[in-house]
């Protein structure tokens, strides 16, 4: 189903497209309404903790989505924090790489960044 199709169906039913999408997800997963709401709330809290909501305005201009620059995605904050915690514990970069299952180059980048600012590059 495309977003355009979802919008047309929801307009015909006079419901918010998000409600229609939620019902389709509940049906697809054979999940109770209560269980779905709890899972959705947990997922929304994850996105909020990652700063997605706060960062949304920078991705829109005049109501239109602005495409991002090509390149590597930023290193997730929790990964940066894990590397910096290992560094603070006195571990080597190699030990940190093995413990966290991260590429040595990523660990090196975080290790030598200003307090983990590698997450924003």
PDB file of N, CA and C in Angstrom:
ATOM      1  N   UNK A   1       0.846  -1.178   0.000  1.00  0.00           N
ATOM      2  CA  UNK A   1       0.000   0.000   0.000  1.00  0.00           C
ATOM      3  C   UNK A   1       0.893   1.243   0.000  1.00  0.00           C
ATOM      4  N   UNK A   2       0.599   2.185  -0.832  1.00  0.00           N
ATOM      5  CA  UNK A   2       1.362   3.428  -0.886  1.00  0.00           C
ATOM      6  C   UNK A   2       0.763   4.441   0.090  1.00  0.00           C
ATOM      7  N   UNK A   3       1.531   5.480   0.397  1.00  0.00           N
ATOM      8  CA  UNK A   3       1.022   6.531   1.277  1.00  0.00           C
ATOM      9  C   UNK A   3      -0.158   7.245   0.636  1.00  0.00           C
ATOM     10  N   UNK A   4      -0.092   7.421  -0.675  1.00  0.00           N
ATOM     11  CA  UNK A   4      -1.191   8.069  -1.386  1.00  0.00           C
ATOM     12  C   UNK A   4      -2.473   7.253  -1.236  1.00  0.00           C
ATOM     13  N   UNK A   5      -2.347   5.937  -1.390  1.00  0.00           N
ATOM     14  CA  UNK A   5      -3.504   5.050  -1.247  1.00  0.00           C
ATOM     15  C   UNK A   5      -4.036   5.108   0.186  1.00  0.00           C
ATOM     16  N   UNK A   6      -3.131   5.096   1.164  1.00  0.00           N
ATOM     17  CA  UNK A   6      -3.530   5.182   2.567  1.00  0.00           C
ATOM     18  C   UNK A   6      -4.305   6.468   2.825  1.00  0.00           C
ATOM     19  N   UNK A   7      -3.819   7.566   2.285  1.00  0.00           N
ATOM     20  CA  UNK A   7      -4.507   8.843   2.470  1.00  0.00           C
ATOM     21  C   UNK A   7      -5.883   8.858   1.810  1.00  0.00           C
ATOM     22  N   UNK A   8      -5.999   8.262   0.625  1.00  0.00           N
ATOM     23  CA  UNK A   8      -7.293   8.219  -0.060  1.00  0.00           C
ATOM     24  C   UNK A   8      -8.304   7.375   0.724  1.00  0.00           C
ATOM     25  N   UNK A   9      -7.866   6.223   1.210  1.00  0.00           N
ATOM     26  CA  UNK A   9      -8.768   5.348   1.972  1.00  0.00           C
ATOM     27  C   UNK A   9      -9.193   6.029   3.268  1.00  0.00           C
ATOM     28  N   UNK A  10      -8.231   6.634   3.967  1.00  0.00           N
ATOM     29  CA  UNK A  10      -8.569   7.277   5.240  1.00  0.00           C
ATOM     30  C   UNK A  10      -9.497   8.476   5.016  1.00  0.00           C
ATOM     31  N   UNK A  11      -9.323   9.199   3.917  1.00  0.00           N
ATOM     32  CA  UNK A  11     -10.216  10.328   3.614  1.00  0.00           C
ATOM     33  C   UNK A  11     -11.625   9.817   3.357  1.00  0.00           C
ATOM     34  N   UNK A  12     -11.721   8.707   2.642  1.00  0.00           N
ATOM     35  CA  UNK A  12     -13.036   8.118   2.345  1.00  0.00           C
ATOM     36  C   UNK A  12     -13.748   7.654   3.614  1.00  0.00           C
ATOM     37  N   UNK A  13     -12.952   7.123   4.564  1.00  0.00           N
ATOM     38  CA  UNK A  13     -13.512   6.659   5.841  1.00  0.00           C
ATOM     39  C   UNK A  13     -13.644   7.784   6.860  1.00  0.00           C
ATOM     40  N   UNK A  14     -13.085   8.946   6.533  1.00  0.00           N
ATOM     41  CA  UNK A  14     -13.080  10.109   7.428  1.00  0.00           C
ATOM     42  C   UNK A  14     -12.375   9.793   8.750  1.00  0.00           C
ATOM     43  N   UNK A  15     -11.181   9.184   8.625  1.00  0.00           N
ATOM     44  CA  UNK A  15     -10.347   8.903   9.800  1.00  0.00           C
ATOM     45  C   UNK A  15      -8.921   9.362   9.493  1.00  0.00           C
ATOM     46  N   UNK A  16      -8.163   9.564  10.530  1.00  0.00           N
ATOM     47  CA  UNK A  16      -6.761   9.956  10.381  1.00  0.00           C
ATOM     48  C   UNK A  16      -5.981   8.789   9.773  1.00  0.00           C
ATOM     49  N   UNK A  17      -5.116   9.053   8.806  1.00  0.00           N
ATOM     50  CA  UNK A  17      -4.339   7.967   8.193  1.00  0.00           C
ATOM     51  C   UNK A  17      -3.534   7.154   9.208  1.00  0.00           C
ATOM     52  N   UNK A  18      -3.099   7.800  10.276  1.00  0.00           N
ATOM     53  CA  UNK A  18      -2.331   7.094  11.313  1.00  0.00           C
ATOM     54  C   UNK A  18      -3.196   6.025  11.988  1.00  0.00           C
ATOM     55  N   UNK A  19      -4.471   6.336  12.213  1.00  0.00           N
ATOM     56  CA  UNK A  19      -5.374   5.364  12.832  1.00  0.00           C
ATOM     57  C   UNK A  19      -5.561   4.158  11.924  1.00  0.00           C
ATOM     58  N   UNK A  20      -5.692   4.420  10.639  1.00  0.00           N
ATOM     59  CA  UNK A  20      -5.853   3.329   9.678  1.00  0.00           C
ATOM     60  C   UNK A  20      -4.585   2.471   9.623  1.00  0.00           C
ATOM     61  N   UNK A  21      -3.449   3.115   9.618  1.00  0.00           N
ATOM     62  CA  UNK A  21      -2.171   2.401   9.616  1.00  0.00           C
ATOM     63  C   UNK A  21      -2.010   1.575  10.899  1.00  0.00           C
ATOM     64  N   UNK A  22      -2.417   2.134  12.029  1.00  0.00           N
ATOM     65  CA  UNK A  22      -2.344   1.415  13.299  1.00  0.00           C
ATOM     66  C   UNK A  22      -3.231   0.167  13.267  1.00  0.00           C
ATOM     67  N   UNK A  23      -4.436   0.313  12.759  1.00  0.00           N
ATOM     68  CA  UNK A  23      -5.337  -0.840  12.674  1.00  0.00           C
ATOM     69  C   UNK A  23      -4.766  -1.919  11.765  1.00  0.00           C
ATOM     70  N   UNK A  24      -4.171  -1.516  10.652  1.00  0.00           N
ATOM     71  CA  UNK A  24      -3.562  -2.486   9.744  1.00  0.00           C
ATOM     72  C   UNK A  24      -2.409  -3.211  10.435  1.00  0.00           C
ATOM     73  N   UNK A  25      -1.636  -2.483  11.222  1.00  0.00           N
ATOM     74  CA  UNK A  25      -0.520  -3.089  11.954  1.00  0.00           C
ATOM     75  C   UNK A  25      -1.025  -4.061  13.019  1.00  0.00           C
ATOM     76  N   UNK A  26      -2.071  -3.669  13.735  1.00  0.00           N
ATOM     77  CA  UNK A  26      -2.664  -4.543  14.750  1.00  0.00           C
ATOM     78  C   UNK A  26      -3.147  -5.841  14.110  1.00  0.00           C
ATOM     79  N   UNK A  27      -3.815  -5.712  12.972  1.00  0.00           N
ATOM     80  CA  UNK A  27      -4.321  -6.889  12.268  1.00  0.00           C
ATOM     81  C   UNK A  27      -3.166  -7.766  11.788  1.00  0.00           C
ATOM     82  N   UNK A  28      -2.178  -7.146  11.141  1.00  0.00           N
ATOM     83  CA  UNK A  28      -1.034  -7.883  10.587  1.00  0.00           C
ATOM     84  C   UNK A  28      -0.282  -8.669  11.667  1.00  0.00           C
ATOM     85  N   UNK A  29      -0.131  -8.068  12.839  1.00  0.00           N
ATOM     86  CA  UNK A  29       0.619  -8.702  13.929  1.00  0.00           C
ATOM     87  C   UNK A  29      -0.265  -9.576  14.830  1.00  0.00           C
ATOM     88  N   UNK A  30      -1.562  -9.551  14.554  1.00  0.00           N
ATOM     89  CA  UNK A  30      -2.508 -10.286  15.399  1.00  0.00           C
ATOM     90  C   UNK A  30      -2.281  -9.913  16.866  1.00  0.00           C
ATOM     91  N   UNK A  31      -2.288  -8.625  17.108  1.00  0.00           N
ATOM     92  CA  UNK A  31      -1.963  -8.060  18.410  1.00  0.00           C
ATOM     93  C   UNK A  31      -3.198  -7.392  18.989  1.00  0.00           C
ATOM     94  N   UNK A  32      -3.314  -7.348  20.298  1.00  0.00           N
ATOM     95  CA  UNK A  32      -4.443  -6.651  20.903  1.00  0.00           C
ATOM     96  C   UNK A  32      -4.203  -5.145  20.823  1.00  0.00           C
ATOM     97  N   UNK A  33      -5.277  -4.406  20.897  1.00  0.00           N
ATOM     98  CA  UNK A  33      -5.201  -2.955  20.856  1.00  0.00           C
ATOM     99  C   UNK A  33      -4.336  -2.444  22.006  1.00  0.00           C
ATOM    100  N   UNK A  34      -4.519  -3.009  23.191  1.00  0.00           N
ATOM    101  CA  UNK A  34      -3.757  -2.602  24.374  1.00  0.00           C
ATOM    102  C   UNK A  34      -2.275  -2.891  24.203  1.00  0.00           C
ATOM    103  N   UNK A  35      -1.962  -4.070  23.698  1.00  0.00           N
ATOM    104  CA  UNK A  35      -0.570  -4.453  23.478  1.00  0.00           C
ATOM    105  C   UNK A  35       0.073  -3.535  22.434  1.00  0.00           C
ATOM    106  N   UNK A  36      -0.645  -3.246  21.368  1.00  0.00           N
ATOM    107  CA  UNK A  36      -0.139  -2.363  20.325  1.00  0.00           C
ATOM    108  C   UNK A  36       0.162  -0.985  20.893  1.00  0.00           C
ATOM    109  N   UNK A  37      -0.775  -0.443  21.673  1.00  0.00           N
ATOM    110  CA  UNK A  37      -0.574   0.891  22.253  1.00  0.00           C
ATOM    111  C   UNK A  37       0.651   0.933  23.156  1.00  0.00           C
ATOM    112  N   UNK A  38       0.849  -0.115  23.953  1.00  0.00           N
ATOM    113  CA  UNK A  38       2.008  -0.171  24.848  1.00  0.00           C
ATOM    114  C   UNK A  38       3.303  -0.221  24.038  1.00  0.00           C
ATOM    115  N   UNK A  39       3.309  -1.042  22.980  1.00  0.00           N
ATOM    116  CA  UNK A  39       4.500  -1.160  22.135  1.00  0.00           C
ATOM    117  C   UNK A  39       4.767   0.149  21.401  1.00  0.00           C
ATOM    118  N   UNK A  40       3.711   0.769  20.894  1.00  0.00           N
ATOM    119  CA  UNK A  40       3.850   2.038  20.187  1.00  0.00           C
ATOM    120  C   UNK A  40       4.411   3.113  21.115  1.00  0.00           C
ATOM    121  N   UNK A  41       3.916   3.182  22.332  1.00  0.00           N
ATOM    122  CA  UNK A  41       4.412   4.165  23.296  1.00  0.00           C
ATOM    123  C   UNK A  41       5.900   3.941  23.575  1.00  0.00           C
ATOM    124  N   UNK A  42       6.302   2.683  23.737  1.00  0.00           N
ATOM    125  CA  UNK A  42       7.712   2.368  23.984  1.00  0.00           C
ATOM    126  C   UNK A  42       8.572   2.788  22.793  1.00  0.00           C
ATOM    127  N   UNK A  43       8.096   2.537  21.574  1.00  0.00           N
ATOM    128  CA  UNK A  43       8.850   2.918  20.379  1.00  0.00           C
ATOM    129  C   UNK A  43       8.940   4.439  20.245  1.00  0.00           C
ATOM    130  N   UNK A  44       7.858   5.132  20.560  1.00  0.00           N
ATOM    131  CA  UNK A  44       7.864   6.594  20.489  1.00  0.00           C
ATOM    132  C   UNK A  44       8.840   7.181  21.512  1.00  0.00           C
ATOM    133  N   UNK A  45       8.914   6.575  22.683  1.00  0.00           N
ATOM    134  CA  UNK A  45       9.861   7.036  23.707  1.00  0.00           C
ATOM    135  C   UNK A  45      11.300   6.822  23.243  1.00  0.00           C
ATOM    136  N   UNK A  46      11.557   5.716  22.529  1.00  0.00           N
ATOM    137  CA  UNK A  46      12.897   5.474  21.980  1.00  0.00           C
ATOM    138  C   UNK A  46      13.263   6.576  20.995  1.00  0.00           C
ATOM    139  N   UNK A  47      12.332   6.901  20.104  1.00  0.00           N
ATOM    140  CA  UNK A  47      12.584   7.953  19.116  1.00  0.00           C
ATOM    141  C   UNK A  47      12.812   9.305  19.788  1.00  0.00           C
ATOM    142  N   UNK A  48      12.032   9.567  20.823  1.00  0.00           N
ATOM    143  CA  UNK A  48      12.201  10.829  21.550  1.00  0.00           C
ATOM    144  C   UNK A  48      13.567  10.882  22.222  1.00  0.00           C
ATOM    145  N   UNK A  49      13.990   9.769  22.825  1.00  0.00           N
ATOM    146  CA  UNK A  49      15.295   9.711  23.479  1.00  0.00           C
ATOM    147  C   UNK A  49      16.432   9.892  22.480  1.00  0.00           C
ATOM    148  N   UNK A  50      16.235   9.458  21.255  1.00  0.00           N
ATOM    149  CA  UNK A  50      17.240   9.617  20.210  1.00  0.00           C
ATOM    150  C   UNK A  50      17.246  11.036  19.636  1.00  0.00           C
ATOM    151  N   UNK A  51      16.296  11.862  20.077  1.00  0.00           N
ATOM    152  CA  UNK A  51      16.236  13.240  19.618  1.00  0.00           C
ATOM    153  C   UNK A  51      15.562  13.431  18.273  1.00  0.00           C
ATOM    154  N   UNK A  52      14.813  12.417  17.842  1.00  0.00           N
ATOM    155  CA  UNK A  52      14.170  12.495  16.531  1.00  0.00           C
ATOM    156  C   UNK A  52      13.153  13.639  16.481  1.00  0.00           C
ATOM    157  N   UNK A  53      12.325  13.758  17.506  1.00  0.00           N
ATOM    158  CA  UNK A  53      11.304  14.806  17.510  1.00  0.00           C
ATOM    159  C   UNK A  53      11.946  16.192  17.506  1.00  0.00           C
ATOM    160  N   UNK A  54      12.957  16.375  18.333  1.00  0.00           N
ATOM    161  CA  UNK A  54      13.632  17.677  18.407  1.00  0.00           C
ATOM    162  C   UNK A  54      14.324  18.011  17.090  1.00  0.00           C
ATOM    163  N   UNK A  55      14.793  16.992  16.377  1.00  0.00           N
ATOM    164  CA  UNK A  55      15.515  17.225  15.137  1.00  0.00           C
ATOM    165  C   UNK A  55      14.646  17.356  13.898  1.00  0.00           C
ATOM    166  N   UNK A  56      13.362  17.048  14.026  1.00  0.00           N
ATOM    167  CA  UNK A  56      12.478  17.085  12.853  1.00  0.00           C
ATOM    168  C   UNK A  56      12.419  18.436  12.146  1.00  0.00           C
ATOM    169  N   UNK A  57      12.320  19.543  12.870  1.00  0.00           N
ATOM    170  CA  UNK A  57      12.214  20.824  12.167  1.00  0.00           C
ATOM    171  C   UNK A  57      13.364  21.075  11.176  1.00  0.00           C
ATOM    172  N   UNK A  58      14.538  20.562  11.472  1.00  0.00           N
ATOM    173  CA  UNK A  58      15.674  20.792  10.575  1.00  0.00           C
ATOM    174  C   UNK A  58      15.562  19.992   9.280  1.00  0.00           C
ATOM    175  N   UNK A  59      14.618  19.058   9.210  1.00  0.00           N
ATOM    176  CA  UNK A  59      14.449  18.232   8.019  1.00  0.00           C
ATOM    177  C   UNK A  59      13.311  18.716   7.115  1.00  0.00           C
ATOM    178  N   UNK A  60      12.690  19.835   7.508  1.00  0.00           N
ATOM    179  CA  UNK A  60      11.592  20.380   6.715  1.00  0.00           C
ATOM    180  C   UNK A  60      11.850  21.846   6.398  1.00  0.00           C
ATOM    181  N   UNK A  61      11.435  22.235   5.219  1.00  0.00           N
ATOM    182  CA  UNK A  61      11.561  23.632   4.806  1.00  0.00           C
ATOM    183  C   UNK A  61      10.284  24.004   4.062  1.00  0.00           C
ATOM    184  N   UNK A  62       9.534  24.939   4.620  1.00  0.00           N
ATOM    185  CA  UNK A  62       8.274  25.345   3.993  1.00  0.00           C
ATOM    186  C   UNK A  62       7.271  24.210   3.896  1.00  0.00           C
ATOM    187  N   UNK A  63       7.303  23.293   4.852  1.00  0.00           N
ATOM    188  CA  UNK A  63       6.385  22.160   4.863  1.00  0.00           C
ATOM    189  C   UNK A  63       6.828  20.979   4.018  1.00  0.00           C
ATOM    190  N   UNK A  64       7.947  21.120   3.300  1.00  0.00           N
ATOM    191  CA  UNK A  64       8.451  20.034   2.451  1.00  0.00           C
ATOM    192  C   UNK A  64       9.658  19.370   3.100  1.00  0.00           C
ATOM    193  N   UNK A  65       9.731  18.064   2.941  1.00  0.00           N
ATOM    194  CA  UNK A  65      10.861  17.303   3.456  1.00  0.00           C
ATOM    195  C   UNK A  65      12.114  17.659   2.669  1.00  0.00           C
ATOM    196  N   UNK A  66      13.183  17.983   3.380  1.00  0.00           N
ATOM    197  CA  UNK A  66      14.459  18.319   2.756  1.00  0.00           C
ATOM    198  C   UNK A  66      15.303  17.053   2.749  1.00  0.00           C
ATOM    199  N   UNK A  67      15.798  16.706   1.571  1.00  0.00           N
ATOM    200  CA  UNK A  67      16.611  15.497   1.482  1.00  0.00           C
ATOM    201  C   UNK A  67      17.963  15.744   2.121  1.00  0.00           C
ATOM    202  N   UNK A  68      18.476  14.706   2.775  1.00  0.00           N
ATOM    203  CA  UNK A  68      19.761  14.808   3.453  1.00  0.00           C
ATOM    204  C   UNK A  68      20.914  14.602   2.497  1.00  0.00           C
ATOM    205  N   UNK A  69      22.071  14.929   2.982  1.00  0.00           N
ATOM    206  CA  UNK A  69      23.284  14.723   2.206  1.00  0.00           C
ATOM    207  C   UNK A  69      23.633  13.247   2.207  1.00  0.00           C
ATOM    208  N   UNK A  70      24.205  12.814   1.108  1.00  0.00           N
ATOM    209  CA  UNK A  70      24.659  11.429   1.025  1.00  0.00           C
ATOM    210  C   UNK A  70      25.848  11.257   1.958  1.00  0.00           C
ATOM    211  N   UNK A  71      26.030  10.066   2.434  1.00  0.00           N
ATOM    212  CA  UNK A  71      27.168   9.792   3.305  1.00  0.00           C
ATOM    213  C   UNK A  71      26.790   8.833   4.405  1.00  0.00           C
ATOM    214  N   UNK A  72      27.712   8.668   5.305  1.00  0.00           N
ATOM    215  CA  UNK A  72      27.486   7.738   6.408  1.00  0.00           C
ATOM    216  C   UNK A  72      26.531   8.335   7.426  1.00  0.00           C
ATOM    217  N   UNK A  73      25.790   7.463   8.052  1.00  0.00           N
ATOM    218  CA  UNK A  73      24.885   7.895   9.108  1.00  0.00           C
ATOM    219  C   UNK A  73      25.691   8.219  10.352  1.00  0.00           C
ATOM    220  N   UNK A  74      25.160   9.105  11.204  1.00  0.00           N
ATOM    221  CA  UNK A  74      25.878   9.409  12.441  1.00  0.00           C
ATOM    222  C   UNK A  74      25.942   8.182  13.350  1.00  0.00           C
ATOM    223  N   UNK A  75      26.959   8.146  14.162  1.00  0.00           N
ATOM    224  CA  UNK A  75      27.107   7.046  15.123  1.00  0.00           C
ATOM    225  C   UNK A  75      26.078   7.273  16.228  1.00  0.00           C
ATOM    226  N   UNK A  76      25.255   6.264  16.534  1.00  0.00           N
ATOM    227  CA  UNK A  76      24.246   6.434  17.592  1.00  0.00           C
ATOM    228  C   UNK A  76      24.881   6.826  18.932  1.00  0.00           C
ATOM    229  N   UNK A  77      24.205   7.714  19.637  1.00  0.00           N
ATOM    230  CA  UNK A  77      24.698   8.245  20.903  1.00  0.00           C
ATOM    231  C   UNK A  77      25.059   7.134  21.889  1.00  0.00           C
ATOM    232  N   UNK A  78      24.232   6.093  21.961  1.00  0.00           N
ATOM    233  CA  UNK A  78      24.513   5.025  22.928  1.00  0.00           C
ATOM    234  C   UNK A  78      25.801   4.280  22.590  1.00  0.00           C
ATOM    235  N   UNK A  79      26.132   4.200  21.307  1.00  0.00           N
ATOM    236  CA  UNK A  79      27.390   3.549  20.897  1.00  0.00           C
ATOM    237  C   UNK A  79      28.579   4.423  21.305  1.00  0.00           C
ATOM    238  N   UNK A  80      28.435   5.730  21.096  1.00  0.00           N
ATOM    239  CA  UNK A  80      29.490   6.669  21.490  1.00  0.00           C
ATOM    240  C   UNK A  80      29.714   6.586  22.991  1.00  0.00           C
ATOM    241  N   UNK A  81      28.620   6.592  23.756  1.00  0.00           N
ATOM    242  CA  UNK A  81      28.716   6.528  25.209  1.00  0.00           C
ATOM    243  C   UNK A  81      29.374   5.229  25.670  1.00  0.00           C
ATOM    244  N   UNK A  82      29.063   4.128  24.995  1.00  0.00           N
ATOM    245  CA  UNK A  82      29.653   2.837  25.366  1.00  0.00           C
ATOM    246  C   UNK A  82      31.163   2.855  25.132  1.00  0.00           C
ATOM    247  N   UNK A  83      31.596   3.431  24.014  1.00  0.00           N
ATOM    248  CA  UNK A  83      33.032   3.513  23.728  1.00  0.00           C
ATOM    249  C   UNK A  83      33.721   4.397  24.760  1.00  0.00           C
ATOM    250  N   UNK A  84      33.131   5.543  25.049  1.00  0.00           N
ATOM    251  CA  UNK A  84      33.737   6.459  26.004  1.00  0.00           C
ATOM    252  C   UNK A  84      33.783   5.863  27.410  1.00  0.00           C
ATOM    253  N   UNK A  85      32.800   5.038  27.736  1.00  0.00           N
ATOM    254  CA  UNK A  85      32.803   4.359  29.043  1.00  0.00           C
ATOM    255  C   UNK A  85      33.958   3.366  29.114  1.00  0.00           C
ATOM    256  N   UNK A  86      34.189   2.641  28.036  1.00  0.00           N
ATOM    257  CA  UNK A  86      35.310   1.695  27.989  1.00  0.00           C
ATOM    258  C   UNK A  86      36.638   2.437  28.109  1.00  0.00           C
ATOM    259  N   UNK A  87      36.726   3.563  27.437  1.00  0.00           N
ATOM    260  CA  UNK A  87      37.940   4.381  27.500  1.00  0.00           C
ATOM    261  C   UNK A  87      38.178   4.850  28.928  1.00  0.00           C
ATOM    262  N   UNK A  88      37.116   5.295  29.582  1.00  0.00           N
ATOM    263  CA  UNK A  88      37.218   5.771  30.965  1.00  0.00           C
ATOM    264  C   UNK A  88      37.629   4.655  31.923  1.00  0.00           C
ATOM    265  N   UNK A  89      37.258   3.409  31.584  1.00  0.00           N
ATOM    266  CA  UNK A  89      37.619   2.250  32.415  1.00  0.00           C
ATOM    267  C   UNK A  89      39.064   1.819  32.187  1.00  0.00           C
ATOM    268  N   UNK A  90      39.744   2.444  31.229  1.00  0.00           N
ATOM    269  CA  UNK A  90      41.135   2.113  30.963  1.00  0.00           C
ATOM    270  C   UNK A  90      41.338   1.015  29.932  1.00  0.00           C
ATOM    271  N   UNK A  91      40.286   0.639  29.233  1.00  0.00           N
ATOM    272  CA  UNK A  91      40.417  -0.390  28.201  1.00  0.00           C
ATOM    273  C   UNK A  91      41.143   0.187  26.988  1.00  0.00           C
ATOM    274  N   UNK A  92      41.738  -0.682  26.189  1.00  0.00           N
ATOM    275  CA  UNK A  92      42.372  -0.258  24.950  1.00  0.00           C
ATOM    276  C   UNK A  92      41.299  -0.167  23.862  1.00  0.00           C
ATOM    277  N   UNK A  93      41.671   0.455  22.742  1.00  0.00           N
ATOM    278  CA  UNK A  93      40.740   0.539  21.624  1.00  0.00           C
ATOM    279  C   UNK A  93      40.405  -0.858  21.104  1.00  0.00           C
ATOM    280  N   UNK A  94      41.408  -1.725  21.037  1.00  0.00           N
ATOM    281  CA  UNK A  94      41.181  -3.085  20.545  1.00  0.00           C
ATOM    282  C   UNK A  94      40.223  -3.842  21.470  1.00  0.00           C
ATOM    283  N   UNK A  95      40.440  -3.736  22.783  1.00  0.00           N
ATOM    284  CA  UNK A  95      39.554  -4.392  23.744  1.00  0.00           C
ATOM    285  C   UNK A  95      38.126  -3.858  23.604  1.00  0.00           C
ATOM    286  N   UNK A  96      38.025  -2.551  23.427  1.00  0.00           N
ATOM    287  CA  UNK A  96      36.715  -1.908  23.275  1.00  0.00           C
ATOM    288  C   UNK A  96      36.019  -2.403  22.016  1.00  0.00           C
ATOM    289  N   UNK A  97      36.778  -2.473  20.922  1.00  0.00           N
ATOM    290  CA  UNK A  97      36.234  -2.949  19.649  1.00  0.00           C
ATOM    291  C   UNK A  97      35.689  -4.365  19.791  1.00  0.00           C
ATOM    292  N   UNK A  98      36.453  -5.223  20.445  1.00  0.00           N
ATOM    293  CA  UNK A  98      36.025  -6.616  20.634  1.00  0.00           C
ATOM    294  C   UNK A  98      34.827  -6.714  21.566  1.00  0.00           C
ATOM    295  N   UNK A  99      34.880  -5.984  22.665  1.00  0.00           N
ATOM    296  CA  UNK A  99      33.789  -6.036  23.656  1.00  0.00           C
ATOM    297  C   UNK A  99      32.471  -5.561  23.068  1.00  0.00           C
ATOM    298  N   UNK A 100      32.524  -4.468  22.294  1.00  0.00           N
ATOM    299  CA  UNK A 100      31.291  -3.871  21.766  1.00  0.00           C
ATOM    300  C   UNK A 100      30.905  -4.389  20.385  1.00  0.00           C
ATOM    301  N   UNK A 101      31.790  -5.182  19.770  1.00  0.00           N
ATOM    302  CA  UNK A 101      31.506  -5.699  18.439  1.00  0.00           C
ATOM    303  C   UNK A 101      31.458  -4.599  17.391  1.00  0.00           C
ATOM    304  N   UNK A 102      32.316  -3.604  17.561  1.00  0.00           N
ATOM    305  CA  UNK A 102      32.355  -2.465  16.640  1.00  0.00           C
ATOM    306  C   UNK A 102      33.646  -2.505  15.838  1.00  0.00           C
ATOM    307  N   UNK A 103      33.607  -1.906  14.660  1.00  0.00           N
ATOM    308  CA  UNK A 103      34.809  -1.807  13.842  1.00  0.00           C
ATOM    309  C   UNK A 103      35.855  -0.981  14.579  1.00  0.00           C
ATOM    310  N   UNK A 104      37.113  -1.395  14.455  1.00  0.00           N
ATOM    311  CA  UNK A 104      38.205  -0.677  15.108  1.00  0.00           C
ATOM    312  C   UNK A 104      38.265   0.774  14.643  1.00  0.00           C
ATOM    313  N   UNK A 105      37.943   1.016  13.370  1.00  0.00           N
ATOM    314  CA  UNK A 105      37.981   2.385  12.845  1.00  0.00           C
ATOM    315  C   UNK A 105      36.921   3.269  13.505  1.00  0.00           C
ATOM    316  N   UNK A 106      35.764   2.689  13.802  1.00  0.00           N
ATOM    317  CA  UNK A 106      34.700   3.445  14.473  1.00  0.00           C
ATOM    318  C   UNK A 106      35.107   3.776  15.900  1.00  0.00           C
ATOM    319  N   UNK A 107      35.671   2.773  16.580  1.00  0.00           N
ATOM    320  CA  UNK A 107      36.142   2.994  17.948  1.00  0.00           C
ATOM    321  C   UNK A 107      37.210   4.088  17.944  1.00  0.00           C
ATOM    322  N   UNK A 108      38.141   4.018  16.990  1.00  0.00           N
ATOM    323  CA  UNK A 108      39.209   5.008  16.892  1.00  0.00           C
ATOM    324  C   UNK A 108      38.637   6.412  16.688  1.00  0.00           C
ATOM    325  N   UNK A 109      37.659   6.524  15.803  1.00  0.00           N
ATOM    326  CA  UNK A 109      37.034   7.816  15.512  1.00  0.00           C
ATOM    327  C   UNK A 109      36.419   8.425  16.767  1.00  0.00           C
ATOM    328  N   UNK A 110      35.680   7.605  17.514  1.00  0.00           N
ATOM    329  CA  UNK A 110      35.039   8.082  18.743  1.00  0.00           C
ATOM    330  C   UNK A 110      36.100   8.407  19.791  1.00  0.00           C
ATOM    331  N   UNK A 111      37.078   7.528  19.912  1.00  0.00           N
ATOM    332  CA  UNK A 111      38.142   7.644  20.914  1.00  0.00           C
ATOM    333  C   UNK A 111      38.856   8.989  20.827  1.00  0.00           C
ATOM    334  N   UNK A 112      39.077   9.447  19.585  1.00  0.00           N
ATOM    335  CA  UNK A 112      39.842  10.669  19.377  1.00  0.00           C
ATOM    336  C   UNK A 112      38.972  11.884  19.071  1.00  0.00           C
ATOM    337  N   UNK A 113      37.667  11.755  19.272  1.00  0.00           N
ATOM    338  CA  UNK A 113      36.776  12.881  19.035  1.00  0.00           C
ATOM    339  C   UNK A 113      36.691  13.719  20.307  1.00  0.00           C
ATOM    340  N   UNK A 114      36.164  14.936  20.175  1.00  0.00           N
ATOM    341  CA  UNK A 114      35.942  15.791  21.349  1.00  0.00           C
ATOM    342  C   UNK A 114      34.712  15.305  22.095  1.00  0.00           C
ATOM    343  N   UNK A 115      34.912  14.569  23.172  1.00  0.00           N
ATOM    344  CA  UNK A 115      33.822  14.054  24.008  1.00  0.00           C
ATOM    345  C   UNK A 115      32.725  13.369  23.204  1.00  0.00           C
ATOM    346  N   UNK A 116      33.134  12.650  22.149  1.00  0.00           N
ATOM    347  CA  UNK A 116      32.165  11.878  21.393  1.00  0.00           C
ATOM    348  C   UNK A 116      31.414  12.665  20.365  1.00  0.00           C
ATOM    349  N   UNK A 117      31.941  13.805  19.933  1.00  0.00           N
ATOM    350  CA  UNK A 117      31.233  14.569  18.915  1.00  0.00           C
ATOM    351  C   UNK A 117      31.194  13.864  17.579  1.00  0.00           C
ATOM    352  N   UNK A 118      31.843  12.705  17.500  1.00  0.00           N
ATOM    353  CA  UNK A 118      31.798  11.903  16.269  1.00  0.00           C
ATOM    354  C   UNK A 118      30.368  11.496  15.948  1.00  0.00           C
ATOM    355  N   UNK A 119      29.514  11.512  16.949  1.00  0.00           N
ATOM    356  CA  UNK A 119      28.120  11.129  16.725  1.00  0.00           C
ATOM    357  C   UNK A 119      27.408  12.124  15.829  1.00  0.00           C
ATOM    358  N   UNK A 120      27.945  13.317  15.734  1.00  0.00           N
ATOM    359  CA  UNK A 120      27.265  14.309  14.907  1.00  0.00           C
ATOM    360  C   UNK A 120      27.873  14.429  13.523  1.00  0.00           C
ATOM    361  N   UNK A 121      28.880  13.623  13.197  1.00  0.00           N
ATOM    362  CA  UNK A 121      29.519  13.690  11.879  1.00  0.00           C
ATOM    363  C   UNK A 121      28.956  12.657  10.965  1.00  0.00           C
TER     364      UNK A 121
END
